[in-house]
Amino acid sequence: MPDDTLGRFKRWFWRPPRPHGETIADRSVSSLELFYDLVYVVVIAQAAHHLAEDASARGFAEFVVVFALIWIAWINGSLYYEIHGREDGRTRAFVFVQMGILVLLAVFTADAAQGTGPAFALIYAAFLAVMTWLWYTVRRQDREQRPEFLPVTARYVTGMVASVVAIFASAFLADGPRLVLWAIFALAWLVGILLVERSPIGLYRGLTPTDSLVERFGLFTIIVLGEVVFGVVTGLSAAEHDLKTIATGMIALGIGFGFWWIYFDVVGRRLPRDDGPALANWVLSHLPVTLSIAVGGAAMVSLIEHAHDASTPATTAWLLAGAVALGLIAEAIIARSLVDAERLADAYRPVSRALVVGAAAALVIGWLQPAPWLLALLLVVILSALWLFAVDRFLRAGAWA
């Protein structure tokens, strides 16, 4: 290879990260990002499999903690690419490194809250270490090019280092204390994002709402919606293939369809406001949205298993109905953070109130514990009614797409 060609290749392959302020407003989500997100399908499926087998209060608590860790990993990888990624060899290489680590993480995810917790912790710490290095390279570049961002990157890199230490140390704890430390770690991340976004050095100074950012969060939501399909298929595969069981599974699948209709027609594909609190609320509210969908998918396995019962088991009823309620409330919070929430206030105010009322109705249905097929049908009716109400309000506002 000629020297000039080799030089051009080296300059392309190992370019520095895109500095703060170089936002690509018209960027589309790349094929590399889509490939990266697919790894999370496997990781989340493994976590959901554990909840499907243990649809109890303890199983739910364990799932919430593990899912929060997975979501924090996805946020780190996704936002780094959104803010600093390039279409070069360096970016691709580090994305593939992350994917390799996540594949190993998936191996130990199903039983992460118990037996395989130490291995999960060590691999997760390795993932955070890679992300820490990437964010540190941004800070090193900011010293020369964008010193005004140094306060932002200083806090973030410090938080990443502390995260690596905490997760690494958790590998040497017993199962119970380890899970508690993970829960504290996840809560600290969520509170930290809220506090930073409300401070003068908020992350929003470097994170600009763009169509690609909105698209990326929407695609992750679609990936998690796949867990609903997995849950229905898993439940039907393990149960008797009679009419009542199949009907219960297909009605339950309608809950996933309802999640999709409401998310993408009410809050998805819409830009959040670029002020700190609104942007923080928009980002963080996607955690309960995706969590609720994954929980719903796992609960469907148990729902189909008990298709012939006169009453849905309490834990299954509360898991599925609670998942719907949590998702609706989170979407109401997301709606308040959108640019359109001000422009289309006459539509979004009543729709947000309706989402909260729908969440309350879902909880009542879970409390009543009707037969599995009826519980699923009533939840589908709630989601359908909410969507039709939203369509009506958007039509009245002249803003239906």
Foldseek 3Di string as FASTA:
>chain_A
DDPVVVVVQVCQADPFWAAFPPADFPDADDPLLVVLLLLVLLQLLLLLQLCLVPLDPVSLLLSLLLLLLSLVLVCLLVVSCRQTNDPGNVNSVLSVVLSVLSNQLSVQRNQCLADSVLVNLLSSLVSLVSSLVSLVSNLVVCVPPPVVLNVVSVVVSVLSVVVSVQSNVLSPDHSVVSSVSSNVNSVCVLVVLQVQLPDPNHPLSRDPWHLNVLVSLVVSLVSLLVLLVVLLVLLCVPADVDDLLNLLSVLLNLLSVLLNLCCCQQQGSFTFDSRRNLVSLLSVLSSLQSSLSSQLSSLSSQLSNQSVPQFRPLSSLCSNLQSQLSNLLSSLSNNCRTPVCVVLVQLSVVLSVLSNVLSVVSNVLSVVGGRSSVNSNVNSVSSVVSSVSSVVSCVVSVRRD
